[in-house]
Amino acid sequence: MLSDEADTCGTREYACVAQSSNRRYRYCLRHGLLPAHSSEQYRHDVGAASADERVPSVQGIWSTANWMEREVYDMFGVVFEGHPDLKRILLPDEWQGHPLRKDYDILTQDTAWVRENLGIESGQ
């Protein structure tokens, strides 16, 4: 069904959830689609065992996924294979780490970047 309507679907949402480590997939990527000529909605889920695992990009099929995949990459570190411009979109290029990973320690965030660019010690 989706392959027949791929060129008329729009991206409604793209979400990434970092799940507990005892799950089969550490990260769940959810892509919500809205066909242009139907009131039905589709949801496509992809699991990744780790943030280092590469998942296929859907940007070539649904161009509206471009920035959404970049945001997931920036916040979680999930790499989208085949994405034409996969780089940070929210955080500075020099930022170390990915803040929405469960293993990212907010108390020790990127203290080097904060010190260098803001001229202060982290307030954490």
PDB file of N, CA and C in Angstrom:
ATOM      1  N   MET A   1       0.825  -1.198   0.000  1.00  0.00           N
ATOM      2  CA  MET A   1       0.000   0.000   0.000  1.00  0.00           C
ATOM      3  C   MET A   1       0.862   1.252   0.000  1.00  0.00           C
ATOM      4  N   LEU A   2       1.850   1.317   0.883  1.00  0.00           N
ATOM      5  CA  LEU A   2       2.690   2.506   0.940  1.00  0.00           C
ATOM      6  C   LEU A   2       3.485   2.725  -0.331  1.00  0.00           C
ATOM      7  N   SER A   3       3.951   1.648  -0.954  1.00  0.00           N
ATOM      8  CA  SER A   3       4.750   1.827  -2.161  1.00  0.00           C
ATOM      9  C   SER A   3       3.923   2.461  -3.277  1.00  0.00           C
ATOM     10  N   ASP A   4       2.632   2.195  -3.311  1.00  0.00           N
ATOM     11  CA  ASP A   4       1.763   2.792  -4.322  1.00  0.00           C
ATOM     12  C   ASP A   4       1.525   4.271  -4.061  1.00  0.00           C
ATOM     13  N   GLU A   5       1.588   4.685  -2.792  1.00  0.00           N
ATOM     14  CA  GLU A   5       1.272   6.061  -2.428  1.00  0.00           C
ATOM     15  C   GLU A   5       2.489   6.845  -1.962  1.00  0.00           C
ATOM     16  N   ALA A   6       3.689   6.297  -2.126  1.00  0.00           N
ATOM     17  CA  ALA A   6       4.889   6.925  -1.569  1.00  0.00           C
ATOM     18  C   ALA A   6       5.081   8.350  -2.056  1.00  0.00           C
ATOM     19  N   ASP A   7       4.799   8.604  -3.327  1.00  0.00           N
ATOM     20  CA  ASP A   7       5.044   9.945  -3.848  1.00  0.00           C
ATOM     21  C   ASP A   7       3.964  10.945  -3.441  1.00  0.00           C
ATOM     22  N   THR A   8       2.882  10.495  -2.819  1.00  0.00           N
ATOM     23  CA  THR A   8       1.829  11.425  -2.409  1.00  0.00           C
ATOM     24  C   THR A   8       1.685  11.504  -0.898  1.00  0.00           C
ATOM     25  N   CYS A   9       2.604  10.873  -0.153  1.00  0.00           N
ATOM     26  CA  CYS A   9       2.559  10.915   1.309  1.00  0.00           C
ATOM     27  C   CYS A   9       3.384  12.085   1.823  1.00  0.00           C
ATOM     28  N   GLY A  10       2.944  12.631   2.923  1.00  0.00           N
ATOM     29  CA  GLY A  10       3.712  13.650   3.612  1.00  0.00           C
ATOM     30  C   GLY A  10       4.088  13.149   4.987  1.00  0.00           C
ATOM     31  N   THR A  11       5.220  13.609   5.491  1.00  0.00           N
ATOM     32  CA  THR A  11       5.662  13.198   6.812  1.00  0.00           C
ATOM     33  C   THR A  11       4.912  13.996   7.863  1.00  0.00           C
ATOM     34  N   ARG A  12       4.272  13.306   8.772  1.00  0.00           N
ATOM     35  CA  ARG A  12       3.551  13.950   9.858  1.00  0.00           C
ATOM     36  C   ARG A  12       4.430  14.062  11.091  1.00  0.00           C
ATOM     37  N   GLU A  13       5.200  13.027  11.350  1.00  0.00           N
ATOM     38  CA  GLU A  13       6.060  13.019  12.528  1.00  0.00           C
ATOM     39  C   GLU A  13       7.242  12.098  12.290  1.00  0.00           C
ATOM     40  N   TYR A  14       8.299  12.356  13.015  1.00  0.00           N
ATOM     41  CA  TYR A  14       9.440  11.450  13.039  1.00  0.00           C
ATOM     42  C   TYR A  14       9.943  11.495  14.460  1.00  0.00           C
ATOM     43  N   ALA A  15       9.823  10.410  15.161  1.00  0.00           N
ATOM     44  CA  ALA A  15      10.191  10.384  16.571  1.00  0.00           C
ATOM     45  C   ALA A  15      11.212   9.299  16.828  1.00  0.00           C
ATOM     46  N   CYS A  16      12.053   9.554  17.801  1.00  0.00           N
ATOM     47  CA  CYS A  16      13.010   8.553  18.253  1.00  0.00           C
ATOM     48  C   CYS A  16      12.831   8.410  19.754  1.00  0.00           C
ATOM     49  N   VAL A  17      12.775   7.169  20.217  1.00  0.00           N
ATOM     50  CA  VAL A  17      12.616   6.909  21.645  1.00  0.00           C
ATOM     51  C   VAL A  17      13.778   6.043  22.100  1.00  0.00           C
ATOM     52  N   ALA A  18      14.482   6.505  23.114  1.00  0.00           N
ATOM     53  CA  ALA A  18      15.532   5.692  23.724  1.00  0.00           C
ATOM     54  C   ALA A  18      14.865   4.825  24.786  1.00  0.00           C
ATOM     55  N   GLN A  19      14.879   3.522  24.554  1.00  0.00           N
ATOM     56  CA  GLN A  19      14.193   2.594  25.449  1.00  0.00           C
ATOM     57  C   GLN A  19      15.156   2.037  26.481  1.00  0.00           C
ATOM     58  N   SER A  20      14.629   1.349  27.465  1.00  0.00           N
ATOM     59  CA  SER A  20      15.483   0.751  28.490  1.00  0.00           C
ATOM     60  C   SER A  20      16.401  -0.290  27.854  1.00  0.00           C
ATOM     61  N   SER A  21      17.530  -0.506  28.455  1.00  0.00           N
ATOM     62  CA  SER A  21      18.553  -1.361  27.859  1.00  0.00           C
ATOM     63  C   SER A  21      18.163  -2.841  27.817  1.00  0.00           C
ATOM     64  N   ASN A  22      17.108  -3.242  28.500  1.00  0.00           N
ATOM     65  CA  ASN A  22      16.705  -4.647  28.471  1.00  0.00           C
ATOM     66  C   ASN A  22      15.759  -4.961  27.309  1.00  0.00           C
ATOM     67  N   ARG A  23      15.480  -4.003  26.468  1.00  0.00           N
ATOM     68  CA  ARG A  23      14.635  -4.215  25.284  1.00  0.00           C
ATOM     69  C   ARG A  23      15.473  -4.760  24.132  1.00  0.00           C
ATOM     70  N   ARG A  24      14.818  -5.392  23.179  1.00  0.00           N
ATOM     71  CA  ARG A  24      15.519  -5.929  22.005  1.00  0.00           C
ATOM     72  C   ARG A  24      16.178  -4.808  21.213  1.00  0.00           C
ATOM     73  N   TYR A  25      15.449  -3.715  21.042  1.00  0.00           N
ATOM     74  CA  TYR A  25      15.990  -2.561  20.328  1.00  0.00           C
ATOM     75  C   TYR A  25      16.154  -1.407  21.301  1.00  0.00           C
ATOM     76  N   ARG A  26      17.333  -0.837  21.341  1.00  0.00           N
ATOM     77  CA  ARG A  26      17.620   0.287  22.244  1.00  0.00           C
ATOM     78  C   ARG A  26      16.903   1.553  21.788  1.00  0.00           C
ATOM     79  N   TYR A  27      16.784   1.709  20.475  1.00  0.00           N
ATOM     80  CA  TYR A  27      16.138   2.900  19.923  1.00  0.00           C
ATOM     81  C   TYR A  27      15.000   2.486  19.004  1.00  0.00           C
ATOM     82  N   CYS A  28      13.884   3.163  19.141  1.00  0.00           N
ATOM     83  CA  CYS A  28      12.729   2.938  18.268  1.00  0.00           C
ATOM     84  C   CYS A  28      12.510   4.214  17.471  1.00  0.00           C
ATOM     85  N   LEU A  29      12.592   4.109  16.161  1.00  0.00           N
ATOM     86  CA  LEU A  29      12.367   5.246  15.267  1.00  0.00           C
ATOM     87  C   LEU A  29      10.976   5.102  14.675  1.00  0.00           C
ATOM     88  N   ARG A  30      10.141   6.092  14.863  1.00  0.00           N
ATOM     89  CA  ARG A  30       8.757   6.045  14.406  1.00  0.00           C
ATOM     90  C   ARG A  30       8.523   7.148  13.375  1.00  0.00           C
ATOM     91  N   HIS A  31       8.042   6.729  12.221  1.00  0.00           N
ATOM     92  CA  HIS A  31       7.788   7.649  11.121  1.00  0.00           C
ATOM     93  C   HIS A  31       6.293   7.639  10.826  1.00  0.00           C
ATOM     94  N   GLY A  32       5.613   8.764  11.042  1.00  0.00           N
ATOM     95  CA  GLY A  32       4.181   8.867  10.765  1.00  0.00           C
ATOM     96  C   GLY A  32       3.957   9.521   9.416  1.00  0.00           C
ATOM     97  N   LEU A  33       3.117   8.906   8.599  1.00  0.00           N
ATOM     98  CA  LEU A  33       2.873   9.389   7.238  1.00  0.00           C
ATOM     99  C   LEU A  33       1.397   9.679   7.017  1.00  0.00           C
ATOM    100  N   LEU A  34       1.139  10.722   6.235  1.00  0.00           N
ATOM    101  CA  LEU A  34      -0.224  11.086   5.844  1.00  0.00           C
ATOM    102  C   LEU A  34      -0.334  11.093   4.327  1.00  0.00           C
ATOM    103  N   PRO A  35      -1.083  10.151   3.745  1.00  0.00           N
ATOM    104  CA  PRO A  35      -1.286  10.181   2.296  1.00  0.00           C
ATOM    105  C   PRO A  35      -2.104  11.416   1.902  1.00  0.00           C
ATOM    106  N   ALA A  36      -1.775  12.005   0.775  1.00  0.00           N
ATOM    107  CA  ALA A  36      -2.448  13.228   0.331  1.00  0.00           C
ATOM    108  C   ALA A  36      -3.906  12.979  -0.060  1.00  0.00           C
ATOM    109  N   HIS A  37      -4.220  11.815  -0.568  1.00  0.00           N
ATOM    110  CA  HIS A  37      -5.552  11.557  -1.102  1.00  0.00           C
ATOM    111  C   HIS A  37      -6.351  10.565  -0.262  1.00  0.00           C
ATOM    112  N   SER A  38      -6.080  10.515   1.035  1.00  0.00           N
ATOM    113  CA  SER A  38      -6.761   9.561   1.894  1.00  0.00           C
ATOM    114  C   SER A  38      -6.788  10.112   3.316  1.00  0.00           C
ATOM    115  N   SER A  39      -7.743   9.658   4.087  1.00  0.00           N
ATOM    116  CA  SER A  39      -7.803  10.074   5.492  1.00  0.00           C
ATOM    117  C   SER A  39      -7.068   9.079   6.393  1.00  0.00           C
ATOM    118  N   GLU A  40      -6.523   8.016   5.793  1.00  0.00           N
ATOM    119  CA  GLU A  40      -5.784   7.029   6.569  1.00  0.00           C
ATOM    120  C   GLU A  40      -4.412   7.574   6.951  1.00  0.00           C
ATOM    121  N   GLN A  41      -3.872   7.022   8.032  1.00  0.00           N
ATOM    122  CA  GLN A  41      -2.529   7.373   8.461  1.00  0.00           C
ATOM    123  C   GLN A  41      -1.703   6.107   8.554  1.00  0.00           C
ATOM    124  N   TYR A  42      -0.414   6.215   8.257  1.00  0.00           N
ATOM    125  CA  TYR A  42       0.474   5.069   8.331  1.00  0.00           C
ATOM    126  C   TYR A  42       1.570   5.363   9.345  1.00  0.00           C
ATOM    127  N   ARG A  43       2.028   4.300   9.986  1.00  0.00           N
ATOM    128  CA  ARG A  43       3.136   4.429  10.915  1.00  0.00           C
ATOM    129  C   ARG A  43       4.163   3.358  10.577  1.00  0.00           C
ATOM    130  N   HIS A  44       5.403   3.773  10.468  1.00  0.00           N
ATOM    131  CA  HIS A  44       6.486   2.873  10.138  1.00  0.00           C
ATOM    132  C   HIS A  44       7.495   2.918  11.281  1.00  0.00           C
ATOM    133  N   ASP A  45       7.725   1.791  11.929  1.00  0.00           N
ATOM    134  CA  ASP A  45       8.667   1.719  13.045  1.00  0.00           C
ATOM    135  C   ASP A  45       9.912   0.947  12.621  1.00  0.00           C
ATOM    136  N   VAL A  46      11.053   1.458  13.052  1.00  0.00           N
ATOM    137  CA  VAL A  46      12.330   0.792  12.801  1.00  0.00           C
ATOM    138  C   VAL A  46      13.067   0.725  14.123  1.00  0.00           C
ATOM    139  N   GLY A  47      13.602  -0.434  14.437  1.00  0.00           N
ATOM    140  CA  GLY A  47      14.365  -0.592  15.670  1.00  0.00           C
ATOM    141  C   GLY A  47      15.856  -0.582  15.390  1.00  0.00           C
ATOM    142  N   ALA A  48      16.611  -0.001  16.292  1.00  0.00           N
ATOM    143  CA  ALA A  48      18.069  -0.016  16.214  1.00  0.00           C
ATOM    144  C   ALA A  48      18.600  -0.524  17.548  1.00  0.00           C
ATOM    145  N   ALA A  49      19.460  -1.523  17.487  1.00  0.00           N
ATOM    146  CA  ALA A  49      19.977  -2.133  18.708  1.00  0.00           C
ATOM    147  C   ALA A  49      20.876  -1.177  19.480  1.00  0.00           C
ATOM    148  N   SER A  50      21.552  -0.274  18.770  1.00  0.00           N
ATOM    149  CA  SER A  50      22.406   0.722  19.421  1.00  0.00           C
ATOM    150  C   SER A  50      22.402   1.984  18.575  1.00  0.00           C
ATOM    151  N   ALA A  51      22.859   3.073  19.150  1.00  0.00           N
ATOM    152  CA  ALA A  51      22.907   4.327  18.398  1.00  0.00           C
ATOM    153  C   ALA A  51      23.948   4.254  17.294  1.00  0.00           C
ATOM    154  N   ASP A  52      24.900   3.331  17.412  1.00  0.00           N
ATOM    155  CA  ASP A  52      25.930   3.184  16.388  1.00  0.00           C
ATOM    156  C   ASP A  52      25.438   2.388  15.180  1.00  0.00           C
ATOM    157  N   GLU A  53      24.303   1.725  15.333  1.00  0.00           N
ATOM    158  CA  GLU A  53      23.744   0.966  14.214  1.00  0.00           C
ATOM    159  C   GLU A  53      23.171   1.943  13.192  1.00  0.00           C
ATOM    160  N   ARG A  54      23.438   1.675  11.944  1.00  0.00           N
ATOM    161  CA  ARG A  54      22.943   2.545  10.868  1.00  0.00           C
ATOM    162  C   ARG A  54      21.562   2.081  10.426  1.00  0.00           C
ATOM    163  N   VAL A  55      20.683   3.056  10.176  1.00  0.00           N
ATOM    164  CA  VAL A  55      19.354   2.748   9.672  1.00  0.00           C
ATOM    165  C   VAL A  55      19.185   3.460   8.336  1.00  0.00           C
ATOM    166  N   PRO A  56      18.392   2.918   7.442  1.00  0.00           N
ATOM    167  CA  PRO A  56      18.231   3.553   6.128  1.00  0.00           C
ATOM    168  C   PRO A  56      17.468   4.872   6.229  1.00  0.00           C
ATOM    169  N   SER A  57      17.916   5.844   5.464  1.00  0.00           N
ATOM    170  CA  SER A  57      17.232   7.133   5.396  1.00  0.00           C
ATOM    171  C   SER A  57      16.017   7.022   4.488  1.00  0.00           C
ATOM    172  N   VAL A  58      14.945   7.699   4.852  1.00  0.00           N
ATOM    173  CA  VAL A  58      13.764   7.764   3.986  1.00  0.00           C
ATOM    174  C   VAL A  58      13.674   9.122   3.303  1.00  0.00           C
ATOM    175  N   GLN A  59      14.692   9.943   3.468  1.00  0.00           N
ATOM    176  CA  GLN A  59      14.692  11.293   2.904  1.00  0.00           C
ATOM    177  C   GLN A  59      14.555  11.266   1.382  1.00  0.00           C
ATOM    178  N   GLY A  60      15.107  10.254   0.728  1.00  0.00           N
ATOM    179  CA  GLY A  60      14.995  10.152  -0.727  1.00  0.00           C
ATOM    180  C   GLY A  60      13.581   9.866  -1.196  1.00  0.00           C
ATOM    181  N   ILE A  61      12.746   9.305  -0.313  1.00  0.00           N
ATOM    182  CA  ILE A  61      11.356   9.007  -0.645  1.00  0.00           C
ATOM    183  C   ILE A  61      10.453  10.150  -0.199  1.00  0.00           C
ATOM    184  N   TRP A  62      10.642  10.579   1.043  1.00  0.00           N
ATOM    185  CA  TRP A  62       9.854  11.680   1.612  1.00  0.00           C
ATOM    186  C   TRP A  62      10.807  12.794   2.015  1.00  0.00           C
ATOM    187  N   SER A  63      10.921  13.804   1.192  1.00  0.00           N
ATOM    188  CA  SER A  63      11.903  14.871   1.418  1.00  0.00           C
ATOM    189  C   SER A  63      11.664  15.616   2.729  1.00  0.00           C
ATOM    190  N   THR A  64      10.442  15.575   3.245  1.00  0.00           N
ATOM    191  CA  THR A  64      10.159  16.266   4.507  1.00  0.00           C
ATOM    192  C   THR A  64      10.842  15.592   5.694  1.00  0.00           C
ATOM    193  N   ALA A  65      11.384  14.399   5.497  1.00  0.00           N
ATOM    194  CA  ALA A  65      12.107  13.715   6.572  1.00  0.00           C
ATOM    195  C   ALA A  65      13.526  14.245   6.738  1.00  0.00           C
ATOM    196  N   ASN A  66      13.986  15.094   5.835  1.00  0.00           N
ATOM    197  CA  ASN A  66      15.359  15.587   5.854  1.00  0.00           C
ATOM    198  C   ASN A  66      15.758  16.156   7.207  1.00  0.00           C
ATOM    199  N   TRP A  67      15.098  17.202   7.641  1.00  0.00           N
ATOM    200  CA  TRP A  67      15.473  17.850   8.896  1.00  0.00           C
ATOM    201  C   TRP A  67      15.115  16.989  10.090  1.00  0.00           C
ATOM    202  N   MET A  68      14.077  16.180   9.982  1.00  0.00           N
ATOM    203  CA  MET A  68      13.696  15.309  11.096  1.00  0.00           C
ATOM    204  C   MET A  68      14.778  14.275  11.369  1.00  0.00           C
ATOM    205  N   GLU A  69      15.351  13.696  10.312  1.00  0.00           N
ATOM    206  CA  GLU A  69      16.442  12.740  10.491  1.00  0.00           C
ATOM    207  C   GLU A  69      17.674  13.435  11.052  1.00  0.00           C
ATOM    208  N   ARG A  70      17.925  14.658  10.638  1.00  0.00           N
ATOM    209  CA  ARG A  70      19.069  15.406  11.171  1.00  0.00           C
ATOM    210  C   ARG A  70      18.889  15.685  12.659  1.00  0.00           C
ATOM    211  N   GLU A  71      17.667  15.969  13.080  1.00  0.00           N
ATOM    212  CA  GLU A  71      17.409  16.216  14.501  1.00  0.00           C
ATOM    213  C   GLU A  71      17.622  14.948  15.322  1.00  0.00           C
ATOM    214  N   VAL A  72      17.147  13.809  14.831  1.00  0.00           N
ATOM    215  CA  VAL A  72      17.351  12.539  15.528  1.00  0.00           C
ATOM    216  C   VAL A  72      18.849  12.237  15.609  1.00  0.00           C
ATOM    217  N   TYR A  73      19.585  12.488  14.535  1.00  0.00           N
ATOM    218  CA  TYR A  73      21.036  12.292  14.550  1.00  0.00           C
ATOM    219  C   TYR A  73      21.687  13.184  15.606  1.00  0.00           C
ATOM    220  N   ASP A  74      21.297  14.433  15.655  1.00  0.00           N
ATOM    221  CA  ASP A  74      21.885  15.401  16.581  1.00  0.00           C
ATOM    222  C   ASP A  74      21.605  15.036  18.033  1.00  0.00           C
ATOM    223  N   MET A  75      20.389  14.675  18.353  1.00  0.00           N
ATOM    224  CA  MET A  75      20.003  14.425  19.734  1.00  0.00           C
ATOM    225  C   MET A  75      20.337  13.010  20.220  1.00  0.00           C
ATOM    226  N   PHE A  76      20.277  12.004  19.309  1.00  0.00           N
ATOM    227  CA  PHE A  76      20.489  10.617  19.702  1.00  0.00           C
ATOM    228  C   PHE A  76      21.752   9.998  19.120  1.00  0.00           C
ATOM    229  N   GLY A  77      22.267  10.552  18.030  1.00  0.00           N
ATOM    230  CA  GLY A  77      23.450   9.985  17.394  1.00  0.00           C
ATOM    231  C   GLY A  77      23.159   8.855  16.429  1.00  0.00           C
ATOM    232  N   VAL A  78      21.903   8.626  16.087  1.00  0.00           N
ATOM    233  CA  VAL A  78      21.541   7.569  15.143  1.00  0.00           C
ATOM    234  C   VAL A  78      21.942   8.027  13.736  1.00  0.00           C
ATOM    235  N   VAL A  79      22.687   7.185  13.024  1.00  0.00           N
ATOM    236  CA  VAL A  79      23.180   7.521  11.690  1.00  0.00           C
ATOM    237  C   VAL A  79      22.215   6.984  10.637  1.00  0.00           C
ATOM    238  N   PHE A  80      21.789   7.848   9.730  1.00  0.00           N
ATOM    239  CA  PHE A  80      20.874   7.470   8.647  1.00  0.00           C
ATOM    240  C   PHE A  80      21.678   7.260   7.369  1.00  0.00           C
ATOM    241  N   GLU A  81      21.806   6.012   6.983  1.00  0.00           N
ATOM    242  CA  GLU A  81      22.559   5.628   5.792  1.00  0.00           C
ATOM    243  C   GLU A  81      21.887   6.196   4.545  1.00  0.00           C
ATOM    244  N   GLY A  82      22.662   6.907   3.727  1.00  0.00           N
ATOM    245  CA  GLY A  82      22.136   7.466   2.487  1.00  0.00           C
ATOM    246  C   GLY A  82      21.569   8.868   2.607  1.00  0.00           C
ATOM    247  N   HIS A  83      21.607   9.467   3.796  1.00  0.00           N
ATOM    248  CA  HIS A  83      21.122  10.838   3.962  1.00  0.00           C
ATOM    249  C   HIS A  83      22.108  11.794   3.286  1.00  0.00           C
ATOM    250  N   PRO A  84      21.634  12.753   2.478  1.00  0.00           N
ATOM    251  CA  PRO A  84      22.545  13.605   1.705  1.00  0.00           C
ATOM    252  C   PRO A  84      23.297  14.667   2.512  1.00  0.00           C
ATOM    253  N   ASP A  85      22.834  15.018   3.696  1.00  0.00           N
ATOM    254  CA  ASP A  85      23.470  16.113   4.442  1.00  0.00           C
ATOM    255  C   ASP A  85      23.331  15.886   5.942  1.00  0.00           C
ATOM    256  N   LEU A  86      23.791  14.734   6.420  1.00  0.00           N
ATOM    257  CA  LEU A  86      23.608  14.373   7.822  1.00  0.00           C
ATOM    258  C   LEU A  86      24.640  15.106   8.686  1.00  0.00           C
ATOM    259  N   LYS A  87      24.183  16.150   9.361  1.00  0.00           N
ATOM    260  CA  LYS A  87      25.032  16.910  10.273  1.00  0.00           C
ATOM    261  C   LYS A  87      24.145  17.498  11.359  1.00  0.00           C
ATOM    262  N   ARG A  88      24.768  18.035  12.380  1.00  0.00           N
ATOM    263  CA  ARG A  88      24.010  18.616  13.489  1.00  0.00           C
ATOM    264  C   ARG A  88      23.105  19.746  12.990  1.00  0.00           C
ATOM    265  N   ILE A  89      21.947  19.850  13.648  1.00  0.00           N
ATOM    266  CA  ILE A  89      20.987  20.880  13.262  1.00  0.00           C
ATOM    267  C   ILE A  89      20.600  21.763  14.449  1.00  0.00           C
ATOM    268  N   LEU A  90      20.712  21.245  15.675  1.00  0.00           N
ATOM    269  CA  LEU A  90      20.317  22.002  16.864  1.00  0.00           C
ATOM    270  C   LEU A  90      21.517  22.445  17.702  1.00  0.00           C
ATOM    271  N   LEU A  91      22.492  21.570  17.843  1.00  0.00           N
ATOM    272  CA  LEU A  91      23.663  21.861  18.669  1.00  0.00           C
ATOM    273  C   LEU A  91      24.835  22.309  17.802  1.00  0.00           C
ATOM    274  N   PRO A  92      25.807  23.006  18.385  1.00  0.00           N
ATOM    275  CA  PRO A  92      26.994  23.413  17.616  1.00  0.00           C
ATOM    276  C   PRO A  92      27.758  22.188  17.105  1.00  0.00           C
ATOM    277  N   ASP A  93      28.428  22.343  15.973  1.00  0.00           N
ATOM    278  CA  ASP A  93      29.174  21.239  15.372  1.00  0.00           C
ATOM    279  C   ASP A  93      30.202  20.642  16.329  1.00  0.00           C
ATOM    280  N   GLU A  94      30.782  21.466  17.200  1.00  0.00           N
ATOM    281  CA  GLU A  94      31.845  21.020  18.100  1.00  0.00           C
ATOM    282  C   GLU A  94      31.321  20.300  19.340  1.00  0.00           C
ATOM    283  N   TRP A  95      30.015  20.274  19.550  1.00  0.00           N
ATOM    284  CA  TRP A  95      29.432  19.679  20.753  1.00  0.00           C
ATOM    285  C   TRP A  95      29.765  18.195  20.815  1.00  0.00           C
ATOM    286  N   GLN A  96      30.161  17.726  21.992  1.00  0.00           N
ATOM    287  CA  GLN A  96      30.478  16.314  22.198  1.00  0.00           C
ATOM    288  C   GLN A  96      29.265  15.614  22.812  1.00  0.00           C
ATOM    289  N   GLY A  97      28.856  14.507  22.231  1.00  0.00           N
ATOM    290  CA  GLY A  97      27.766  13.720  22.784  1.00  0.00           C
ATOM    291  C   GLY A  97      26.416  14.017  22.157  1.00  0.00           C
ATOM    292  N   HIS A  98      25.418  13.285  22.631  1.00  0.00           N
ATOM    293  CA  HIS A  98      24.051  13.379  22.115  1.00  0.00           C
ATOM    294  C   HIS A  98      23.110  13.404  23.320  1.00  0.00           C
ATOM    295  N   PRO A  99      22.536  14.562  23.642  1.00  0.00           N
ATOM    296  CA  PRO A  99      21.825  14.778  24.904  1.00  0.00           C
ATOM    297  C   PRO A  99      20.627  13.888  25.204  1.00  0.00           C
ATOM    298  N   LEU A 100      19.955  13.317  24.225  1.00  0.00           N
ATOM    299  CA  LEU A 100      18.770  12.528  24.528  1.00  0.00           C
ATOM    300  C   LEU A 100      19.049  11.036  24.657  1.00  0.00           C
ATOM    301  N   ARG A 101      20.299  10.651  24.608  1.00  0.00           N
ATOM    302  CA  ARG A 101      20.644   9.263  24.898  1.00  0.00           C
ATOM    303  C   ARG A 101      20.505   9.036  26.394  1.00  0.00           C
ATOM    304  N   LYS A 102      20.083   7.863  26.762  1.00  0.00           N
ATOM    305  CA  LYS A 102      19.926   7.540  28.185  1.00  0.00           C
ATOM    306  C   LYS A 102      21.269   7.516  28.906  1.00  0.00           C
ATOM    307  N   ASP A 103      22.363   7.289  28.172  1.00  0.00           N
ATOM    308  CA  ASP A 103      23.679   7.225  28.802  1.00  0.00           C
ATOM    309  C   ASP A 103      24.386   8.582  28.825  1.00  0.00           C
ATOM    310  N   TYR A 104      23.723   9.638  28.388  1.00  0.00           N
ATOM    311  CA  TYR A 104      24.311  10.979  28.375  1.00  0.00           C
ATOM    312  C   TYR A 104      24.111  11.600  29.755  1.00  0.00           C
ATOM    313  N   ASP A 105      25.191  11.921  30.420  1.00  0.00           N
ATOM    314  CA  ASP A 105      25.123  12.468  31.771  1.00  0.00           C
ATOM    315  C   ASP A 105      24.959  13.993  31.710  1.00  0.00           C
ATOM    316  N   ILE A 106      23.783  14.477  32.003  1.00  0.00           N
ATOM    317  CA  ILE A 106      23.496  15.909  31.918  1.00  0.00           C
ATOM    318  C   ILE A 106      24.344  16.711  32.908  1.00  0.00           C
ATOM    319  N   LEU A 107      24.769  16.080  33.992  1.00  0.00           N
ATOM    320  CA  LEU A 107      25.574  16.802  34.978  1.00  0.00           C
ATOM    321  C   LEU A 107      26.992  17.056  34.495  1.00  0.00           C
ATOM    322  N   THR A 108      27.466  16.237  33.567  1.00  0.00           N
ATOM    323  CA  THR A 108      28.811  16.447  33.049  1.00  0.00           C
ATOM    324  C   THR A 108      28.794  16.854  31.589  1.00  0.00           C
ATOM    325  N   GLN A 109      27.658  17.235  31.059  1.00  0.00           N
ATOM    326  CA  GLN A 109      27.489  17.620  29.661  1.00  0.00           C
ATOM    327  C   GLN A 109      28.799  17.988  28.980  1.00  0.00           C
ATOM    328  N   ASP A 110      28.793  18.725  27.950  1.00  0.00           N
ATOM    329  CA  ASP A 110      30.026  19.089  27.254  1.00  0.00           C
ATOM    330  C   ASP A 110      30.641  20.305  27.949  1.00  0.00           C
ATOM    331  N   THR A 111      31.286  20.059  29.078  1.00  0.00           N
ATOM    332  CA  THR A 111      31.850  21.160  29.874  1.00  0.00           C
ATOM    333  C   THR A 111      32.949  21.896  29.119  1.00  0.00           C
ATOM    334  N   ALA A 112      33.691  21.197  28.260  1.00  0.00           N
ATOM    335  CA  ALA A 112      34.749  21.862  27.496  1.00  0.00           C
ATOM    336  C   ALA A 112      34.149  22.892  26.542  1.00  0.00           C
ATOM    337  N   TRP A 113      33.056  22.557  25.863  1.00  0.00           N
ATOM    338  CA  TRP A 113      32.429  23.497  24.932  1.00  0.00           C
ATOM    339  C   TRP A 113      31.866  24.700  25.695  1.00  0.00           C
ATOM    340  N   VAL A 114      31.213  24.450  26.820  1.00  0.00           N
ATOM    341  CA  VAL A 114      30.635  25.529  27.631  1.00  0.00           C
ATOM    342  C   VAL A 114      31.743  26.480  28.090  1.00  0.00           C
ATOM    343  N   ARG A 115      32.839  25.937  28.583  1.00  0.00           N
ATOM    344  CA  ARG A 115      33.948  26.749  29.072  1.00  0.00           C
ATOM    345  C   ARG A 115      34.562  27.573  27.929  1.00  0.00           C
ATOM    346  N   GLU A 116      34.788  26.943  26.793  1.00  0.00           N
ATOM    347  CA  GLU A 116      35.436  27.603  25.667  1.00  0.00           C
ATOM    348  C   GLU A 116      34.549  28.656  24.999  1.00  0.00           C
ATOM    349  N   ASN A 117      33.270  28.349  24.803  1.00  0.00           N
ATOM    350  CA  ASN A 117      32.389  29.244  24.045  1.00  0.00           C
ATOM    351  C   ASN A 117      31.593  30.202  24.889  1.00  0.00           C
ATOM    352  N   LEU A 118      31.317  29.853  26.134  1.00  0.00           N
ATOM    353  CA  LEU A 118      30.543  30.743  27.003  1.00  0.00           C
ATOM    354  C   LEU A 118      31.406  31.402  28.069  1.00  0.00           C
ATOM    355  N   GLY A 119      32.636  30.884  28.225  1.00  0.00           N
ATOM    356  CA  GLY A 119      33.552  31.478  29.177  1.00  0.00           C
ATOM    357  C   GLY A 119      33.168  31.285  30.629  1.00  0.00           C
ATOM    358  N   ILE A 120      32.408  30.232  30.917  1.00  0.00           N
ATOM    359  CA  ILE A 120      31.985  29.959  32.289  1.00  0.00           C
ATOM    360  C   ILE A 120      32.201  28.483  32.599  1.00  0.00           C
ATOM    361  N   GLU A 121      32.223  28.157  33.865  1.00  0.00           N
ATOM    362  CA  GLU A 121      32.215  26.765  34.274  1.00  0.00           C
ATOM    363  C   GLU A 121      30.765  26.318  34.266  1.00  0.00           C
ATOM    364  N   SER A 122      30.522  25.062  33.938  1.00  0.00           N
ATOM    365  CA  SER A 122      29.161  24.550  33.898  1.00  0.00           C
ATOM    366  C   SER A 122      28.493  24.748  35.252  1.00  0.00           C
ATOM    367  N   GLY A 123      27.256  25.169  35.231  1.00  0.00           N
ATOM    368  CA  GLY A 123      26.524  25.436  36.464  1.00  0.00           C
ATOM    369  C   GLY A 123      25.931  24.202  37.107  1.00  0.00           C
ATOM    370  N   GLN A 124      26.230  23.043  36.558  1.00  0.00           N
ATOM    371  CA  GLN A 124      25.646  21.805  37.095  1.00  0.00           C
ATOM    372  C   GLN A 124      26.349  21.366  38.333  1.00  0.00           C
TER     373      GLN A 124
END
